[in-house]
Amino acid sequence: MVDNILVGFGKHVSLLRKSRGITQESLATYSGLHRTHIGMIERAERDITLSSISKLAKGLDMTMHELLKF
C-alpha cells in the first residue's frame, strides 16, 4: 500500500510542474535529478529524501517550505 503522503506529494509536484509548462525531463535537468526519478516521485513509486525535495524545490524555483505546502 502506498502512503497517502507520497501520493499527495507526487500529485502536488506534477501539478506544479505542469503549471510551469515544463516536462519531467526539463524538471530533471533543472533539479539535477534523473528523469525516471521525477516520474517515480509523481507516481508515488519512490519515497523521497530531504535532499531530493531540496533539489525539486530548486528545479521548480521555490523554497522547500513552499513545495511542502500541499
Protein backbone atom coordinates (compact mmCIF):
# COMPACT_ATOMS: atom_id res chain seq x y z
CA MET A 1 0.00 0.00 0.00
CA VAL A 2 1.32 3.42 -0.98
CA ASP A 3 1.47 6.05 1.75
CA ASN A 4 -1.09 8.83 1.20
CA ILE A 5 1.53 11.50 1.83
CA LEU A 6 3.60 10.17 -1.08
CA VAL A 7 0.54 10.20 -3.35
CA GLY A 8 -0.34 13.75 -2.30
CA PHE A 9 3.21 14.98 -2.71
CA GLY A 10 3.55 13.32 -6.12
CA LYS A 11 0.33 14.92 -7.36
CA HIS A 12 1.47 18.28 -5.99
CA VAL A 13 4.82 18.06 -7.81
CA SER A 14 3.05 17.06 -11.02
CA LEU A 15 0.60 19.98 -10.79
CA LEU A 16 3.39 22.48 -10.05
CA ARG A 17 5.48 21.16 -12.93
CA LYS A 18 2.57 21.29 -15.37
CA SER A 19 1.53 24.77 -14.19
CA ARG A 20 5.01 25.94 -15.15
CA GLY A 21 4.70 24.29 -18.55
CA ILE A 22 7.73 22.04 -18.11
CA THR A 23 8.24 18.37 -18.82
CA GLN A 24 9.56 15.77 -16.41
CA GLU A 25 12.77 15.82 -18.42
CA SER A 26 13.12 19.59 -18.03
CA LEU A 27 12.42 19.40 -14.31
CA ALA A 28 15.05 16.68 -14.06
CA THR A 29 17.57 18.95 -15.77
CA TYR A 30 16.69 21.96 -13.59
CA SER A 31 16.78 19.93 -10.37
CA GLY A 32 19.72 17.64 -11.06
CA LEU A 33 17.60 14.52 -10.60
CA HIS A 34 17.12 11.76 -13.17
CA ARG A 35 14.00 11.91 -15.36
CA THR A 36 12.83 8.49 -14.20
CA HIS A 37 13.20 9.61 -10.59
CA ILE A 38 10.83 12.53 -11.25
CA GLY A 39 8.26 10.16 -12.74
CA MET A 40 8.56 7.76 -9.83
CA ILE A 41 8.04 10.61 -7.34
CA GLU A 42 4.96 11.86 -9.23
CA ARG A 43 3.50 8.33 -9.30
CA ALA A 44 4.32 7.77 -5.61
CA GLU A 45 6.53 4.82 -6.51
CA ARG A 46 9.51 6.16 -4.59
CA ASP A 47 9.91 7.58 -1.13
CA ILE A 48 11.64 10.93 -1.32
CA THR A 49 14.55 12.24 0.71
CA LEU A 50 15.07 15.75 2.02
CA SER A 51 17.93 16.10 -0.43
CA SER A 52 15.62 15.31 -3.35
CA ILE A 53 12.96 17.68 -2.00
CA SER A 54 15.58 20.42 -1.88
CA LYS A 55 16.61 19.70 -5.48
CA LEU A 56 12.98 19.62 -6.66
CA ALA A 57 12.30 22.95 -4.97
CA LYS A 58 15.30 24.45 -6.73
CA GLY A 59 14.15 23.00 -10.05
CA LEU A 60 10.67 24.48 -9.55
CA ASP A 61 12.18 27.83 -8.44
CA MET A 62 10.62 27.75 -5.00
CA THR A 63 11.60 27.12 -1.41
CA MET A 64 11.31 23.74 0.25
CA HIS A 65 8.70 25.29 2.55
CA GLU A 66 6.57 26.31 -0.46
CA LEU A 67 6.97 22.90 -2.07
CA LEU A 68 5.84 21.11 1.06
CA LYS A 69 2.60 23.11 1.31
CA PHE A 70 0.06 20.76 -0.21
